[in-house]
Amino acid sequence: MAVEVILLERIENLGQMGDVVKVRPGFARNYLLPKQKALRANKANRELFETQRAQLEAENLERRQEAEQVSGKIEGLQVTVIRQAGDNGQLYGSVNARDVAEAVTGGGATIGRGQVVLEKPIKTLGLHPVRIRLHPEVSVSVTVNVARSEAEAELQAKAGRFVSSDEQQAAEEAAEAELEAAALAAEEAEAAAEAEAATEAEDETA
């Protein structure tokens, strides 16, 4: 049987501050009421809410403005999480909300794991978009780059996706070939310059 509560802040997929909504008793008892996100919708609490509405709205506005300032720092942020994984990209373990929160905090903005919207742990290498809820009305998206090394993370960031071991090897071989070609071109240019200098010297002594 559902119970009625008065929301003290916006709750996603439920309602706005001041709305009277019906929820499951367990949701009210275990989350909304102890977290002070709602009041039981009885006459006394309705009157209490109306007397405190202006104060609650002012406090909510202040928190939202603070969240918007933080959002400017981390919107579009890409953070790296290093994990062991197989060649198929499957992790030996997973990346959870706590890991994401720690990575984002390391990137310059302190957030808690409860602010990370992650339906299930990340279990593969690659780039994963994750939503961070800074406030009931302010969310941002960050990218979690899960890789086996910083070098692999850099490759994935450039490619915009998971790069397989074969692709990494091909990229390394291509880079080596490019370096060798550049070195050969430099040697040829140096030899040509030396030959030209020698020719000029012979012309001067002739």
C-alpha atoms as a PDB file:
ATOM      1  CA  MET A   1       0.000   0.000   0.000  1.00  0.00           C
ATOM      2  CA  ALA A   2       1.434   3.384  -1.029  1.00  0.00           C
ATOM      3  CA  VAL A   3       1.971   6.268   1.371  1.00  0.00           C
ATOM      4  CA  GLU A   4       1.806   9.992   0.639  1.00  0.00           C
ATOM      5  CA  VAL A   5       4.794  12.258   1.250  1.00  0.00           C
ATOM      6  CA  ILE A   6       5.639  15.912   0.653  1.00  0.00           C
ATOM      7  CA  LEU A   7       8.869  16.306  -1.315  1.00  0.00           C
ATOM      8  CA  LEU A   8      11.397  18.714   0.203  1.00  0.00           C
ATOM      9  CA  GLU A   9      13.477  18.784  -3.001  1.00  0.00           C
ATOM     10  CA  ARG A  10      13.245  17.638  -6.590  1.00  0.00           C
ATOM     11  CA  ILE A  11      13.453  13.851  -6.866  1.00  0.00           C
ATOM     12  CA  GLU A  12      14.164  12.491 -10.330  1.00  0.00           C
ATOM     13  CA  ASN A  13      11.214  10.608 -11.853  1.00  0.00           C
ATOM     14  CA  LEU A  14       9.089  11.476  -8.823  1.00  0.00           C
ATOM     15  CA  GLY A  15       8.364  15.199  -8.545  1.00  0.00           C
ATOM     16  CA  GLN A  16       9.375  18.737  -7.561  1.00  0.00           C
ATOM     17  CA  MET A  17       9.740  20.402  -4.180  1.00  0.00           C
ATOM     18  CA  GLY A  18       6.333  20.740  -2.546  1.00  0.00           C
ATOM     19  CA  ASP A  19       4.684  17.994  -4.577  1.00  0.00           C
ATOM     20  CA  VAL A  20       2.592  15.461  -2.675  1.00  0.00           C
ATOM     21  CA  VAL A  21       3.315  12.053  -4.180  1.00  0.00           C
ATOM     22  CA  LYS A  22       2.558   8.423  -3.441  1.00  0.00           C
ATOM     23  CA  VAL A  23       5.515   6.090  -2.893  1.00  0.00           C
ATOM     24  CA  ARG A  24       6.187   2.622  -1.563  1.00  0.00           C
ATOM     25  CA  PRO A  25       6.341   2.494   2.262  1.00  0.00           C
ATOM     26  CA  GLY A  26       9.855   1.030   2.174  1.00  0.00           C
ATOM     27  CA  PHE A  27      11.139   3.805  -0.114  1.00  0.00           C
ATOM     28  CA  ALA A  28       9.716   6.427   2.222  1.00  0.00           C
ATOM     29  CA  ARG A  29      10.899   4.718   5.404  1.00  0.00           C
ATOM     30  CA  ASN A  30      14.398   3.755   4.232  1.00  0.00           C
ATOM     31  CA  TYR A  31      15.323   6.676   1.981  1.00  0.00           C
ATOM     32  CA  LEU A  32      13.086   9.733   1.666  1.00  0.00           C
ATOM     33  CA  LEU A  33      12.305  10.288   5.344  1.00  0.00           C
ATOM     34  CA  PRO A  34      15.708   9.505   6.959  1.00  0.00           C
ATOM     35  CA  LYS A  35      17.520  11.506   4.240  1.00  0.00           C
ATOM     36  CA  GLN A  36      15.170  14.435   4.960  1.00  0.00           C
ATOM     37  CA  LYS A  37      14.066  14.530   1.344  1.00  0.00           C
ATOM     38  CA  ALA A  38      10.376  14.311   2.257  1.00  0.00           C
ATOM     39  CA  LEU A  39       7.811  14.585   5.059  1.00  0.00           C
ATOM     40  CA  ARG A  40       4.784  12.417   5.689  1.00  0.00           C
ATOM     41  CA  ALA A  41       1.810  14.133   4.063  1.00  0.00           C
ATOM     42  CA  ASN A  42      -0.331  14.785   7.132  1.00  0.00           C
ATOM     43  CA  LYS A  43      -2.036  18.047   8.058  1.00  0.00           C
ATOM     44  CA  ALA A  44       0.662  19.158  10.513  1.00  0.00           C
ATOM     45  CA  ASN A  45       3.479  18.565   8.029  1.00  0.00           C
ATOM     46  CA  ARG A  46       1.604  20.312   5.225  1.00  0.00           C
ATOM     47  CA  GLU A  47       1.313  23.406   7.429  1.00  0.00           C
ATOM     48  CA  LEU A  48       4.950  23.071   8.511  1.00  0.00           C
ATOM     49  CA  PHE A  49       6.108  22.865   4.909  1.00  0.00           C
ATOM     50  CA  GLU A  50       4.171  25.967   3.893  1.00  0.00           C
ATOM     51  CA  THR A  51       5.728  27.983   6.733  1.00  0.00           C
ATOM     52  CA  GLN A  52       9.208  26.822   5.702  1.00  0.00           C
ATOM     53  CA  ARG A  53       8.755  26.866   1.913  1.00  0.00           C
ATOM     54  CA  ALA A  54      10.536  30.194   1.339  1.00  0.00           C
ATOM     55  CA  GLN A  55      13.526  29.118   3.444  1.00  0.00           C
ATOM     56  CA  LEU A  56      13.709  25.719   1.735  1.00  0.00           C
ATOM     57  CA  GLU A  57      13.557  27.313  -1.710  1.00  0.00           C
ATOM     58  CA  ALA A  58      16.324  29.775  -0.791  1.00  0.00           C
ATOM     59  CA  GLU A  59      18.536  26.973   0.541  1.00  0.00           C
ATOM     60  CA  ASN A  60      17.861  24.909  -2.571  1.00  0.00           C
ATOM     61  CA  LEU A  61      18.798  27.836  -4.810  1.00  0.00           C
ATOM     62  CA  GLU A  62      22.083  28.293  -2.952  1.00  0.00           C
ATOM     63  CA  ARG A  63      22.961  24.602  -3.258  1.00  0.00           C
ATOM     64  CA  ARG A  64      22.051  24.635  -6.936  1.00  0.00           C
ATOM     65  CA  GLN A  65      24.295  27.633  -7.619  1.00  0.00           C
ATOM     66  CA  GLU A  66      27.182  25.888  -5.858  1.00  0.00           C
ATOM     67  CA  ALA A  67      26.537  22.761  -7.939  1.00  0.00           C
ATOM     68  CA  GLU A  68      26.526  24.813 -11.142  1.00  0.00           C
ATOM     69  CA  GLN A  69      29.940  26.224 -10.240  1.00  0.00           C
ATOM     70  CA  VAL A  70      31.300  22.709  -9.741  1.00  0.00           C
ATOM     71  CA  SER A  71      29.671  21.553 -12.978  1.00  0.00           C
ATOM     72  CA  GLY A  72      31.708  24.125 -14.876  1.00  0.00           C
ATOM     73  CA  LYS A  73      34.886  22.465 -13.616  1.00  0.00           C
ATOM     74  CA  ILE A  74      34.044  18.883 -14.517  1.00  0.00           C
ATOM     75  CA  GLU A  75      31.593  19.000 -17.447  1.00  0.00           C
ATOM     76  CA  GLY A  76      33.211  16.925 -20.199  1.00  0.00           C
ATOM     77  CA  LEU A  77      36.086  15.864 -17.923  1.00  0.00           C
ATOM     78  CA  GLN A  78      37.905  12.666 -18.886  1.00  0.00           C
ATOM     79  CA  VAL A  79      39.463  10.651 -16.060  1.00  0.00           C
ATOM     80  CA  THR A  80      41.629   7.550 -16.263  1.00  0.00           C
ATOM     81  CA  VAL A  81      41.176   4.405 -14.182  1.00  0.00           C
ATOM     82  CA  ILE A  82      43.872   1.729 -14.495  1.00  0.00           C
ATOM     83  CA  ARG A  83      42.746  -1.901 -14.250  1.00  0.00           C
ATOM     84  CA  GLN A  84      44.041  -5.320 -15.265  1.00  0.00           C
ATOM     85  CA  ALA A  85      42.186  -6.938 -18.156  1.00  0.00           C
ATOM     86  CA  GLY A  86      42.378  -9.625 -20.797  1.00  0.00           C
ATOM     87  CA  ASP A  87      43.158  -9.053 -24.470  1.00  0.00           C
ATOM     88  CA  ASN A  88      39.421  -9.142 -25.191  1.00  0.00           C
ATOM     89  CA  GLY A  89      38.945  -6.024 -23.061  1.00  0.00           C
ATOM     90  CA  GLN A  90      37.161  -7.733 -20.158  1.00  0.00           C
ATOM     91  CA  LEU A  91      38.335  -6.480 -16.764  1.00  0.00           C
ATOM     92  CA  TYR A  92      39.598  -8.760 -14.018  1.00  0.00           C
ATOM     93  CA  GLY A  93      37.146  -7.106 -11.644  1.00  0.00           C
ATOM     94  CA  SER A  94      35.180  -3.907 -12.239  1.00  0.00           C
ATOM     95  CA  VAL A  95      35.048  -0.129 -11.827  1.00  0.00           C
ATOM     96  CA  ASN A  96      32.297   0.987  -9.428  1.00  0.00           C
ATOM     97  CA  ALA A  97      30.794   4.286  -8.294  1.00  0.00           C
ATOM     98  CA  ARG A  98      33.424   4.728  -5.581  1.00  0.00           C
ATOM     99  CA  ASP A  99      36.226   4.343  -8.147  1.00  0.00           C
ATOM    100  CA  VAL A 100      34.620   6.930 -10.418  1.00  0.00           C
ATOM    101  CA  ALA A 101      34.118   9.354  -7.511  1.00  0.00           C
ATOM    102  CA  GLU A 102      37.777   9.026  -6.504  1.00  0.00           C
ATOM    103  CA  ALA A 103      38.935   9.575 -10.091  1.00  0.00           C
ATOM    104  CA  VAL A 104      36.762  12.677 -10.540  1.00  0.00           C
ATOM    105  CA  THR A 105      37.879  14.011  -7.150  1.00  0.00           C
ATOM    106  CA  GLY A 106      41.464  13.536  -8.313  1.00  0.00           C
ATOM    107  CA  GLY A 107      40.535  15.588 -11.367  1.00  0.00           C
ATOM    108  CA  GLY A 108      39.777  18.640  -9.264  1.00  0.00           C
ATOM    109  CA  ALA A 109      36.227  18.442  -7.853  1.00  0.00           C
ATOM    110  CA  THR A 110      35.250  16.601  -4.680  1.00  0.00           C
ATOM    111  CA  ILE A 111      32.229  14.335  -5.161  1.00  0.00           C
ATOM    112  CA  GLY A 112      30.829  11.352  -3.281  1.00  0.00           C
ATOM    113  CA  ARG A 113      29.982   7.941  -4.679  1.00  0.00           C
ATOM    114  CA  GLY A 114      26.299   8.654  -4.076  1.00  0.00           C
ATOM    115  CA  GLN A 115      26.494  11.351  -6.750  1.00  0.00           C
ATOM    116  CA  VAL A 116      27.716   8.912  -9.401  1.00  0.00           C
ATOM    117  CA  VAL A 117      24.850   7.582 -11.527  1.00  0.00           C
ATOM    118  CA  LEU A 118      26.082   4.132 -12.516  1.00  0.00           C
ATOM    119  CA  GLU A 119      23.440   1.490 -13.215  1.00  0.00           C
ATOM    120  CA  LYS A 120      26.011  -1.312 -13.052  1.00  0.00           C
ATOM    121  CA  PRO A 121      29.796  -1.541 -12.561  1.00  0.00           C
ATOM    122  CA  ILE A 122      32.027  -1.028 -15.608  1.00  0.00           C
ATOM    123  CA  LYS A 123      33.567  -4.347 -16.658  1.00  0.00           C
ATOM    124  CA  THR A 124      35.319  -3.528 -19.940  1.00  0.00           C
ATOM    125  CA  LEU A 125      38.213  -1.407 -21.135  1.00  0.00           C
ATOM    126  CA  GLY A 126      37.427   1.703 -23.154  1.00  0.00           C
ATOM    127  CA  LEU A 127      35.692   5.053 -22.796  1.00  0.00           C
ATOM    128  CA  HIS A 128      32.533   5.074 -20.687  1.00  0.00           C
ATOM    129  CA  PRO A 129      30.241   8.133 -20.272  1.00  0.00           C
ATOM    130  CA  VAL A 130      29.051   8.466 -16.677  1.00  0.00           C
ATOM    131  CA  ARG A 131      26.550  10.959 -15.255  1.00  0.00           C
ATOM    132  CA  ILE A 132      27.380  12.849 -12.066  1.00  0.00           C
ATOM    133  CA  ARG A 133      24.392  14.257 -10.149  1.00  0.00           C
ATOM    134  CA  LEU A 134      25.708  17.322  -8.329  1.00  0.00           C
ATOM    135  CA  HIS A 135      22.238  18.492  -7.276  1.00  0.00           C
ATOM    136  CA  PRO A 136      18.688  17.284  -7.940  1.00  0.00           C
ATOM    137  CA  GLU A 137      18.555  19.860 -10.765  1.00  0.00           C
ATOM    138  CA  VAL A 138      22.201  19.792 -11.927  1.00  0.00           C
ATOM    139  CA  SER A 139      23.895  16.852 -13.635  1.00  0.00           C
ATOM    140  CA  VAL A 140      27.022  16.627 -15.785  1.00  0.00           C
ATOM    141  CA  SER A 141      28.624  13.954 -17.915  1.00  0.00           C
ATOM    142  CA  VAL A 142      32.219  12.784 -17.529  1.00  0.00           C
ATOM    143  CA  THR A 143      34.144  10.139 -19.456  1.00  0.00           C
ATOM    144  CA  VAL A 144      35.861   7.311 -17.595  1.00  0.00           C
ATOM    145  CA  ASN A 145      38.818   5.988 -19.592  1.00  0.00           C
ATOM    146  CA  VAL A 146      39.423   2.447 -18.310  1.00  0.00           C
ATOM    147  CA  ALA A 147      42.799   1.117 -19.452  1.00  0.00           C
ATOM    148  CA  ARG A 148      45.632  -1.211 -18.454  1.00  0.00           C
ATOM    149  CA  SER A 149      48.248   1.540 -18.562  1.00  0.00           C
ATOM    150  CA  GLU A 150      48.598   5.276 -19.046  1.00  0.00           C
ATOM    151  CA  ALA A 151      49.950   4.614 -22.551  1.00  0.00           C
ATOM    152  CA  GLU A 152      46.878   2.564 -23.431  1.00  0.00           C
ATOM    153  CA  ALA A 153      44.622   5.241 -21.960  1.00  0.00           C
ATOM    154  CA  GLU A 154      46.288   7.809 -24.229  1.00  0.00           C
ATOM    155  CA  LEU A 155      45.713   5.592 -27.281  1.00  0.00           C
ATOM    156  CA  GLN A 156      42.058   5.121 -26.346  1.00  0.00           C
ATOM    157  CA  ALA A 157      41.594   8.851 -25.783  1.00  0.00           C
ATOM    158  CA  LYS A 158      42.942   9.561 -29.280  1.00  0.00           C
ATOM    159  CA  ALA A 159      40.900   6.783 -30.902  1.00  0.00           C
ATOM    160  CA  GLY A 160      37.769   7.534 -28.894  1.00  0.00           C
ATOM    161  CA  ARG A 161      37.266   3.849 -28.081  1.00  0.00           C
ATOM    162  CA  PHE A 162      38.852   0.638 -26.788  1.00  0.00           C
ATOM    163  CA  VAL A 163      41.986  -0.235 -28.780  1.00  0.00           C
ATOM    164  CA  SER A 164      42.687  -3.971 -29.042  1.00  0.00           C
ATOM    165  CA  SER A 165      46.141  -5.472 -28.506  1.00  0.00           C
ATOM    166  CA  ASP A 166      46.489  -6.115 -32.257  1.00  0.00           C
ATOM    167  CA  GLU A 167      45.626  -2.497 -33.009  1.00  0.00           C
ATOM    168  CA  GLN A 168      48.093  -1.314 -30.373  1.00  0.00           C
ATOM    169  CA  GLN A 169      50.838  -3.461 -31.889  1.00  0.00           C
ATOM    170  CA  ALA A 170      50.018  -2.157 -35.360  1.00  0.00           C
ATOM    171  CA  ALA A 171      50.109   1.416 -34.051  1.00  0.00           C
ATOM    172  CA  GLU A 172      53.469   0.807 -32.364  1.00  0.00           C
ATOM    173  CA  GLU A 173      54.892  -0.727 -35.555  1.00  0.00           C
ATOM    174  CA  ALA A 174      53.580   2.193 -37.595  1.00  0.00           C
ATOM    175  CA  ALA A 175      55.156   4.640 -35.149  1.00  0.00           C
ATOM    176  CA  GLU A 176      58.478   2.790 -35.315  1.00  0.00           C
ATOM    177  CA  ALA A 177      58.341   2.753 -39.126  1.00  0.00           C
ATOM    178  CA  GLU A 178      57.616   6.483 -39.111  1.00  0.00           C
ATOM    179  CA  LEU A 179      60.598   7.111 -36.831  1.00  0.00           C
ATOM    180  CA  GLU A 180      62.841   4.981 -39.024  1.00  0.00           C
ATOM    181  CA  ALA A 181      61.667   6.808 -42.141  1.00  0.00           C
ATOM    182  CA  ALA A 182      62.303  10.156 -40.468  1.00  0.00           C
ATOM    183  CA  ALA A 183      65.785   9.037 -39.380  1.00  0.00           C
ATOM    184  CA  LEU A 184      66.580   7.788 -42.900  1.00  0.00           C
ATOM    185  CA  ALA A 185      65.366  11.042 -44.419  1.00  0.00           C
ATOM    186  CA  ALA A 186      67.555  12.977 -41.983  1.00  0.00           C
ATOM    187  CA  GLU A 187      70.587  10.848 -42.885  1.00  0.00           C
ATOM    188  CA  GLU A 188      69.958  11.346 -46.605  1.00  0.00           C
ATOM    189  CA  ALA A 189      69.573  15.086 -46.129  1.00  0.00           C
ATOM    190  CA  GLU A 190      72.808  15.190 -44.109  1.00  0.00           C
ATOM    191  CA  ALA A 191      74.656  13.168 -46.779  1.00  0.00           C
ATOM    192  CA  ALA A 192      73.340  15.443 -49.518  1.00  0.00           C
ATOM    193  CA  ALA A 193      74.449  18.504 -47.580  1.00  0.00           C
ATOM    194  CA  GLU A 194      77.922  17.035 -47.052  1.00  0.00           C
ATOM    195  CA  ALA A 195      78.182  16.158 -50.755  1.00  0.00           C
ATOM    196  CA  GLU A 196      77.128  19.670 -51.730  1.00  0.00           C
ATOM    197  CA  ALA A 197      79.671  21.170 -49.340  1.00  0.00           C
ATOM    198  CA  ALA A 198      82.400  18.940 -50.768  1.00  0.00           C
ATOM    199  CA  THR A 199      81.498  19.972 -54.326  1.00  0.00           C
ATOM    200  CA  GLU A 200      81.630  23.651 -53.385  1.00  0.00           C
ATOM    201  CA  ALA A 201      85.035  23.132 -51.755  1.00  0.00           C
ATOM    202  CA  GLU A 202      86.385  21.459 -54.911  1.00  0.00           C
ATOM    203  CA  ASP A 203      85.083  24.311 -57.058  1.00  0.00           C
ATOM    204  CA  GLU A 204      86.843  26.858 -54.869  1.00  0.00           C
ATOM    205  CA  THR A 205      90.216  25.067 -55.091  1.00  0.00           C
ATOM    206  CA  ALA A 206      89.948  24.467 -58.833  1.00  0.00           C
END
